[in-house]
């Protein structure tokens, strides 16, 4: 039941995200005096609609996406006499660009809001492996199995090495035995190579303390020989206050946008792996997923109680939609922005030469390219949906 709830919630989140995208176009268009004919949430047959002023609002039966119909978005749009003077293509370039940008910006704003709520509640994940201590063990001992590691057999009143040295939860271990430890992995490697009294450089607030930890050599699962152990656990996420959460969210958002752009650039070369997965090959977690696949992962996250992952996925999806819609290709918003920019630069150059502005770009000459891109996009969507049904990506804990 939790899985079904998660799938429904994630699908609903996608639907709301797409609806808000179109609502961004609506608000910007109305703000500049453009005529917004229709604003509908969903696709397919109309469930109901109503008219308020000059705009018809409605809900479609399929809760995916939506559309905002602005009069005169291109010169191909047929206009009634009262729409002629308010046609979108007749407005100044910066106004038209703002209207087109409003959709992608809505995705970025929504993703930022989701991450900010995470930062101030469940916390943002420690993706950079910052070597911050979450817990300090009261004892350590030899362990050959994971069970022994989780439940060490220690004498009453014993003290762990890090605890005895004065290391606390929240401390950041920035050096071990003179070796810098920028990540938790580097810190663990330095500790495992240590033995006996070892100086730990610990950042606590604005101060850096030099604490001596008597590191014992102990057995650990998967290790052929005994290794150094300090008795500390990693912080997997960080929670922030209302004010410092803004800066943390901004930094985390910038990283996610950068990763999204990088994965989008690698998108074409990952398609063969999607095809292979359809025919039985192991599914690569880095391959593209469809709305179906994302919803399934969201359902598994809820089923496992991983709400942080659920909201991270939803934020990541919005960053992807925002970046994807900015691609300078029709029919995406970025394609319209590129054409508007081209027209503005072209006419500026003509003005410098004493010529009048040229006619708007003829969209009929771009229809073939647009149709090819739509067909390619549709084919990719069918491939990813098929892969997400027959060989889905699953959460591994």
Protein backbone atom coordinates (compact mmCIF):
# COMPACT_ATOMS: atom_id res chain seq x y z
CA UNK A 1 0.00 0.00 0.00
CA UNK A 2 2.85 2.41 0.86
CA UNK A 3 4.37 1.72 -2.56
CA UNK A 4 1.12 2.59 -4.36
CA UNK A 5 0.79 5.77 -2.27
CA UNK A 6 4.35 6.72 -3.17
CA UNK A 7 3.78 6.15 -6.90
CA UNK A 8 0.59 8.22 -6.83
CA UNK A 9 2.22 11.02 -4.82
CA UNK A 10 5.21 11.20 -7.14
CA UNK A 11 3.04 11.16 -10.26
CA UNK A 12 0.92 13.89 -8.68
CA UNK A 13 4.10 15.88 -7.96
CA UNK A 14 5.10 15.59 -11.62
CA UNK A 15 1.64 16.71 -12.73
CA UNK A 16 1.70 19.72 -10.39
CA UNK A 17 5.20 20.65 -11.58
CA UNK A 18 4.12 20.66 -15.23
CA UNK A 19 0.92 22.54 -14.44
CA UNK A 20 2.91 25.22 -12.58
CA UNK A 21 5.24 25.49 -15.58
CA UNK A 22 2.30 26.49 -17.76
CA UNK A 23 0.94 28.71 -14.99
CA UNK A 24 4.23 30.61 -15.09
CA UNK A 25 3.62 31.37 -18.78
CA UNK A 26 0.07 32.47 -17.94
CA UNK A 27 1.11 34.91 -15.21
CA UNK A 28 3.87 36.47 -17.29
CA UNK A 29 1.66 36.73 -20.38
CA UNK A 30 -1.15 38.43 -18.49
CA UNK A 31 1.32 40.78 -16.77
CA UNK A 32 2.43 42.09 -20.18
CA UNK A 33 -1.12 42.45 -21.53
CA UNK A 34 -1.06 39.42 -23.81
CA UNK A 35 -4.29 37.53 -24.31
CA UNK A 36 -4.26 34.11 -22.67
CA UNK A 37 -7.05 32.17 -24.31
CA UNK A 38 -6.91 28.93 -22.35
CA UNK A 39 -5.12 27.38 -19.40
CA UNK A 40 -5.71 23.67 -18.84
CA UNK A 41 -4.18 21.20 -16.40
CA UNK A 42 -3.76 17.67 -17.78
CA UNK A 43 -4.17 16.24 -21.25
CA UNK A 44 -6.89 14.40 -23.20
CA UNK A 45 -10.66 14.95 -23.01
CA UNK A 46 -11.91 17.84 -20.90
CA UNK A 47 -13.28 16.94 -17.47
CA UNK A 48 -14.66 20.42 -16.82
CA UNK A 49 -13.85 24.05 -17.63
CA UNK A 50 -15.00 27.55 -16.77
CA UNK A 51 -14.36 31.02 -18.12
CA UNK A 52 -13.04 33.90 -16.07
CA UNK A 53 -12.60 37.11 -17.99
CA UNK A 54 -11.11 36.36 -21.40
CA UNK A 55 -9.44 33.08 -20.30
CA UNK A 56 -10.92 29.58 -20.16
CA UNK A 57 -9.59 27.45 -17.30
CA UNK A 58 -10.08 23.70 -17.15
CA UNK A 59 -9.02 20.23 -16.12
CA UNK A 60 -8.32 17.30 -18.47
CA UNK A 61 -8.81 13.63 -17.62
CA UNK A 62 -5.14 12.60 -17.94
CA UNK A 63 -3.26 14.20 -14.98
CA UNK A 64 -0.04 14.78 -16.92
CA UNK A 65 1.16 18.17 -18.11
CA UNK A 66 -1.07 20.93 -19.36
CA UNK A 67 -0.96 23.89 -21.71
CA UNK A 68 -1.26 27.66 -21.84
CA UNK A 69 -2.66 29.06 -25.10
CA UNK A 70 -1.39 32.63 -25.64
CA UNK A 71 -2.74 34.42 -28.71
CA UNK A 72 -0.07 35.00 -31.38
CA UNK A 73 2.77 32.97 -29.85
CA UNK A 74 4.01 32.58 -33.44
CA UNK A 75 3.04 34.20 -36.75
CA UNK A 76 1.29 30.96 -37.72
CA UNK A 77 -1.36 31.50 -35.05
CA UNK A 78 -4.74 32.54 -36.43
CA UNK A 79 -6.00 35.66 -34.68
CA UNK A 80 -9.39 37.25 -34.32
CA UNK A 81 -9.63 40.99 -35.02
CA UNK A 82 -9.56 41.85 -31.28
CA UNK A 83 -6.43 39.73 -30.80
CA UNK A 84 -4.37 41.36 -33.55
CA UNK A 85 -2.93 44.22 -31.50
CA UNK A 86 -2.21 41.97 -28.50
CA UNK A 87 -0.51 39.14 -30.40
CA UNK A 88 2.49 37.87 -28.48
CA UNK A 89 4.83 38.08 -31.47
CA UNK A 90 4.13 41.83 -31.73
CA UNK A 91 5.40 42.53 -28.20
CA UNK A 92 8.96 43.60 -27.41
CA UNK A 93 11.58 40.85 -27.48
CA UNK A 94 12.39 41.10 -23.75
CA UNK A 95 8.73 40.63 -22.85
CA UNK A 96 8.38 37.56 -25.07
CA UNK A 97 11.60 36.08 -23.68
CA UNK A 98 10.38 36.70 -20.13
CA UNK A 99 7.11 34.88 -20.89
CA UNK A 100 9.00 31.88 -22.29
CA UNK A 101 11.49 31.88 -19.41
CA UNK A 102 8.68 31.91 -16.85
CA UNK A 103 8.01 28.19 -17.40
CA UNK A 104 11.55 26.87 -16.77
CA UNK A 105 12.06 29.37 -13.92
CA UNK A 106 9.00 27.89 -12.22
CA UNK A 107 10.72 24.47 -12.19
CA UNK A 108 13.87 25.97 -10.66
CA UNK A 109 11.86 27.84 -8.03
CA UNK A 110 9.85 24.73 -7.14
CA UNK A 111 13.00 22.60 -6.87
CA UNK A 112 14.64 25.25 -4.67
CA UNK A 113 11.57 25.34 -2.43
CA UNK A 114 11.59 21.54 -2.05
CA UNK A 115 15.29 21.51 -1.18
CA UNK A 116 14.88 24.38 1.29
CA UNK A 117 12.15 22.47 3.12
CA UNK A 118 14.46 19.44 3.19
CA UNK A 119 17.35 21.54 4.48
CA UNK A 120 15.31 22.85 7.40
CA UNK A 121 13.62 19.52 8.26
CA UNK A 122 15.10 16.17 7.21
CA UNK A 123 18.37 17.73 6.08
CA UNK A 124 20.35 17.78 2.83
CA UNK A 125 22.48 14.71 2.05
CA UNK A 126 26.22 14.86 2.60
CA UNK A 127 27.01 14.24 -1.07
CA UNK A 128 30.51 15.71 -0.79
CA UNK A 129 31.41 13.21 1.99
CA UNK A 130 32.30 16.00 4.40
CA UNK A 131 34.09 14.24 7.31
CA UNK A 132 31.64 15.33 10.00
CA UNK A 133 30.99 13.02 12.96
CA UNK A 134 27.39 12.06 13.70
CA UNK A 135 28.05 9.68 16.63
CA UNK A 136 30.99 8.73 18.83
CA UNK A 137 31.08 5.11 19.98
CA UNK A 138 31.38 4.35 23.68
CA UNK A 139 33.38 1.21 22.86
CA UNK A 140 35.04 -0.61 19.97
CA UNK A 141 36.10 -4.21 19.57
CA UNK A 142 37.12 -6.89 17.09
CA UNK A 143 34.41 -7.73 14.55
CA UNK A 144 34.48 -10.37 11.84
CA UNK A 145 30.82 -9.96 10.81
CA UNK A 146 28.44 -7.04 10.25
CA UNK A 147 26.39 -8.23 13.23
CA UNK A 148 29.43 -8.09 15.52
CA UNK A 149 30.26 -4.65 14.13
CA UNK A 150 26.75 -3.37 14.86
CA UNK A 151 26.64 -4.88 18.36
CA UNK A 152 30.19 -4.89 19.78
CA UNK A 153 30.87 -6.86 22.95
CA UNK A 154 32.39 -4.35 25.35
CA UNK A 155 32.89 -4.23 29.08
CA UNK A 156 30.69 -1.98 31.18
CA UNK A 157 32.03 1.55 31.52
CA UNK A 158 34.39 1.23 28.55
CA UNK A 159 35.20 4.27 26.39
CA UNK A 160 35.84 4.42 22.66
CA UNK A 161 39.15 5.89 21.37
CA UNK A 162 37.60 9.04 19.84
CA UNK A 163 35.35 9.57 22.86
CA UNK A 164 38.30 9.29 25.23
CA UNK A 165 40.17 11.91 23.19
CA UNK A 166 37.27 14.36 23.44
CA UNK A 167 35.88 14.15 19.91
CA UNK A 168 32.15 15.00 19.80
CA UNK A 169 29.22 14.64 17.43
CA UNK A 170 29.29 17.56 14.98
CA UNK A 171 33.10 17.76 14.86
CA UNK A 172 34.75 17.75 11.44
CA UNK A 173 37.92 15.65 11.23
CA UNK A 174 40.10 17.58 8.76
CA UNK A 175 43.35 15.72 9.35
CA UNK A 176 44.71 12.46 10.79
CA UNK A 177 48.37 12.00 11.67
CA UNK A 178 49.40 14.98 9.55
CA UNK A 179 47.42 13.81 6.52
CA UNK A 180 44.64 16.09 5.27
CA UNK A 181 41.23 14.35 5.16
CA UNK A 182 38.88 16.35 2.91
CA UNK A 183 36.36 13.48 2.72
CA UNK A 184 35.06 10.78 5.03
CA UNK A 185 36.61 8.11 2.80
CA UNK A 186 40.02 9.79 3.08
CA UNK A 187 39.61 10.05 6.85
CA UNK A 188 38.75 6.34 7.20
CA UNK A 189 41.76 5.37 5.07
CA UNK A 190 44.07 7.52 7.22
CA UNK A 191 42.66 6.07 10.46
CA UNK A 192 42.95 2.49 9.21
CA UNK A 193 46.63 3.08 8.43
CA UNK A 194 47.24 4.50 11.94
CA UNK A 195 48.15 2.77 15.18
CA UNK A 196 48.61 4.06 18.71
CA UNK A 197 48.58 7.74 19.72
CA UNK A 198 47.64 9.75 16.61
CA UNK A 199 46.90 13.48 16.35
CA UNK A 200 43.45 14.24 14.90
CA UNK A 201 42.89 17.77 13.55
CA UNK A 202 39.28 18.55 14.47
CA UNK A 203 37.32 21.60 13.37
CA UNK A 204 34.79 22.59 16.03
CA UNK A 205 32.98 25.80 15.21
CA UNK A 206 35.61 28.37 14.18
CA UNK A 207 38.47 26.63 16.00
CA UNK A 208 40.70 23.74 14.93
CA UNK A 209 41.64 21.42 17.81
CA UNK A 210 44.49 18.93 17.85
CA UNK A 211 43.32 15.91 19.80
CA UNK A 212 45.36 12.77 20.36
CA UNK A 213 43.46 9.53 19.75
CA UNK A 214 44.96 6.21 20.86
CA UNK A 215 44.01 4.22 17.74
CA UNK A 216 43.72 0.44 18.28
CA UNK A 217 44.24 -2.10 15.51
CA UNK A 218 41.13 -4.30 15.27
CA UNK A 219 39.59 -6.90 12.98
CA UNK A 220 36.92 -5.61 10.60
CA UNK A 221 34.64 -7.39 8.05
CA UNK A 222 36.23 -7.59 4.60
CA UNK A 223 39.71 -6.73 5.86
CA UNK A 224 42.46 -9.32 5.57
CA UNK A 225 44.39 -7.85 8.50
CA UNK A 226 43.62 -5.68 11.50
CA UNK A 227 43.11 -1.95 10.80
CA UNK A 228 43.02 1.22 12.85
CA UNK A 229 39.65 2.15 14.37
CA UNK A 230 38.60 5.44 15.98
CA UNK A 231 34.98 4.70 16.85
CA UNK A 232 33.16 7.46 14.94
CA UNK A 233 30.19 7.41 12.53
CA UNK A 234 29.64 9.63 9.48
CA UNK A 235 26.99 12.32 9.14
CA UNK A 236 24.94 11.37 6.07
CA UNK A 237 22.94 14.61 6.02
CA UNK A 238 22.91 18.09 7.51
CA UNK A 239 19.91 20.03 8.81
CA UNK A 240 19.96 23.83 8.79
CA UNK A 241 18.13 26.74 10.36
CA UNK A 242 15.77 29.04 8.42
CA UNK A 243 18.53 31.52 7.53
CA UNK A 244 21.59 29.36 6.91
CA UNK A 245 19.31 26.94 5.05
CA UNK A 246 19.03 29.51 2.24
CA UNK A 247 22.76 29.49 1.50
CA UNK A 248 23.01 25.71 1.89
CA UNK A 249 20.08 25.21 -0.48
CA UNK A 250 21.57 27.61 -3.03
CA UNK A 251 24.88 25.73 -3.05
CA UNK A 252 23.19 22.34 -3.23
CA UNK A 253 20.91 23.57 -6.03
CA UNK A 254 23.89 24.83 -8.05
CA UNK A 255 25.53 21.41 -7.75
CA UNK A 256 22.35 19.62 -8.84
CA UNK A 257 21.87 21.92 -11.84
CA UNK A 258 25.47 21.31 -12.90
CA UNK A 259 25.04 17.54 -12.60
CA UNK A 260 21.75 17.75 -14.51
CA UNK A 261 23.36 19.66 -17.37
CA UNK A 262 26.22 17.15 -17.47
CA UNK A 263 23.86 14.16 -17.59
CA UNK A 264 21.76 15.86 -20.25
CA UNK A 265 24.88 16.29 -22.40
CA UNK A 266 25.60 12.56 -21.97
CA UNK A 267 21.99 11.62 -22.74
CA UNK A 268 22.49 10.42 -26.37
CA UNK A 269 25.35 8.06 -25.50
CA UNK A 270 23.24 6.38 -22.79
CA UNK A 271 20.40 5.42 -25.12
CA UNK A 272 22.10 2.18 -26.33
CA UNK A 273 22.24 1.01 -22.69
CA UNK A 274 18.48 1.59 -22.42
CA UNK A 275 17.90 -0.58 -25.51
CA UNK A 276 20.16 -3.30 -24.09
CA UNK A 277 18.24 -3.21 -20.80
CA UNK A 278 14.98 -3.82 -22.67
CA UNK A 279 16.45 -7.04 -24.05
CA UNK A 280 17.67 -8.34 -20.71
CA UNK A 281 20.98 -6.63 -19.96
CA UNK A 282 21.54 -5.32 -16.45
CA UNK A 283 20.00 -1.86 -16.10
CA UNK A 284 22.56 0.86 -15.54
CA UNK A 285 21.35 3.22 -12.76
CA UNK A 286 22.71 6.16 -14.78
CA UNK A 287 20.47 5.50 -17.79
CA UNK A 288 17.55 7.88 -18.44
CA UNK A 289 14.20 7.13 -16.81
CA UNK A 290 10.68 8.09 -17.87
CA UNK A 291 7.83 9.45 -15.79
CA UNK A 292 6.87 5.81 -15.19
CA UNK A 293 10.33 4.91 -13.91
CA UNK A 294 10.62 8.02 -11.74
CA UNK A 295 7.22 7.30 -10.19
CA UNK A 296 8.21 3.70 -9.46
CA UNK A 297 11.40 4.84 -7.74
CA UNK A 298 9.36 7.38 -5.79
CA UNK A 299 7.02 4.59 -4.71
CA UNK A 300 9.92 2.43 -3.54
CA UNK A 301 11.37 5.37 -1.60
CA UNK A 302 8.09 5.86 0.28
CA UNK A 303 7.76 2.12 0.87
CA UNK A 304 11.24 2.08 2.42
CA UNK A 305 10.52 5.20 4.46
CA UNK A 306 13.15 7.20 2.53
CA UNK A 307 11.24 10.48 2.35
CA UNK A 308 14.45 12.44 1.91
CA UNK A 309 15.16 10.48 -1.28
CA UNK A 310 11.56 10.98 -2.46
CA UNK A 311 11.83 14.76 -2.27
CA UNK A 312 15.35 14.77 -3.71
CA UNK A 313 14.03 12.87 -6.72
CA UNK A 314 11.19 15.36 -7.14
CA UNK A 315 13.58 18.31 -6.89
CA UNK A 316 15.98 16.65 -9.33
CA UNK A 317 13.16 16.07 -11.80
CA UNK A 318 12.23 19.75 -11.68
CA UNK A 319 15.84 20.78 -12.28
CA UNK A 320 15.90 18.42 -15.27
CA UNK A 321 12.66 19.84 -16.67
CA UNK A 322 13.97 23.38 -16.20
CA UNK A 323 17.28 22.72 -17.95
CA UNK A 324 15.68 20.56 -20.67
CA UNK A 325 13.14 23.26 -21.55
CA UNK A 326 15.95 25.77 -22.00
CA UNK A 327 17.55 23.76 -24.83
CA UNK A 328 17.54 25.96 -27.97
CA UNK A 329 15.38 23.51 -29.89
CA UNK A 330 11.74 23.69 -30.90
CA UNK A 331 9.18 23.04 -29.54
CA UNK A 332 10.88 23.69 -26.16
CA UNK A 333 10.80 27.14 -24.58
CA UNK A 334 14.50 27.50 -25.32
CA UNK A 335 13.79 27.11 -29.03
CA UNK A 336 11.33 30.02 -28.97
CA UNK A 337 13.82 32.09 -26.93
CA UNK A 338 16.57 31.37 -29.48
CA UNK A 339 14.35 32.53 -32.34
CA UNK A 340 13.34 35.70 -30.48
CA UNK A 341 17.00 36.41 -29.74
CA UNK A 342 17.94 35.82 -33.38
CA UNK A 343 15.23 38.20 -34.58
CA UNK A 344 16.33 40.90 -32.12
CA UNK A 345 20.02 40.67 -33.08
CA UNK A 346 19.20 40.53 -36.80
CA UNK A 347 16.98 43.62 -36.62
CA UNK A 348 19.55 45.48 -34.47
CA UNK A 349 22.17 44.87 -37.17
CA UNK A 350 19.75 46.02 -39.85
CA UNK A 351 19.06 49.20 -37.89
CA UNK A 352 22.79 49.91 -37.72
CA UNK A 353 22.84 49.73 -41.53
CA UNK A 354 19.83 52.04 -41.86
CA UNK A 355 17.43 49.26 -42.89
CA UNK A 356 13.96 48.52 -41.56
CA UNK A 357 13.25 45.51 -39.37
CA UNK A 358 12.86 42.24 -41.24
CA UNK A 359 9.73 40.10 -41.09
CA UNK A 360 9.39 37.62 -38.19
CA UNK A 361 10.91 34.16 -38.65
CA UNK A 362 8.74 31.93 -40.83
CA UNK A 363 7.94 28.96 -38.60
CA UNK A 364 6.74 26.91 -41.58
CA UNK A 365 10.38 26.66 -42.68
CA UNK A 366 11.23 25.12 -39.31
CA UNK A 367 8.32 22.68 -39.25
CA UNK A 368 10.33 19.77 -40.70
CA UNK A 369 13.10 20.11 -38.14
CA UNK A 370 10.53 20.50 -35.35
CA UNK A 371 8.66 17.38 -36.46
CA UNK A 372 11.90 15.37 -36.55
CA UNK A 373 12.75 16.47 -33.02
CA UNK A 374 9.23 15.61 -31.83
CA UNK A 375 9.45 12.13 -33.39
CA UNK A 376 12.91 11.53 -31.91
CA UNK A 377 11.70 12.70 -28.52
CA UNK A 378 8.65 10.45 -28.76
CA UNK A 379 10.81 7.45 -29.69
CA UNK A 380 13.15 8.06 -26.74
CA UNK A 381 10.17 8.40 -24.41
CA UNK A 382 8.74 5.06 -25.61
CA UNK A 383 12.14 3.39 -25.13
CA UNK A 384 12.55 4.65 -21.58
CA UNK A 385 8.95 3.76 -20.65
CA UNK A 386 9.45 0.25 -22.02
CA UNK A 387 12.73 -0.16 -20.11
CA UNK A 388 11.09 1.14 -16.92
CA UNK A 389 8.36 -1.47 -17.25
CA UNK A 390 10.37 -4.56 -18.22
CA UNK A 391 13.65 -3.76 -16.46
CA UNK A 392 13.19 -0.89 -13.99
CA UNK A 393 15.85 0.82 -11.90
CA UNK A 394 15.36 -0.13 -8.26
CA UNK A 395 16.51 1.37 -4.99
CA UNK A 396 19.35 -0.53 -3.32
CA UNK A 397 19.75 0.03 0.39
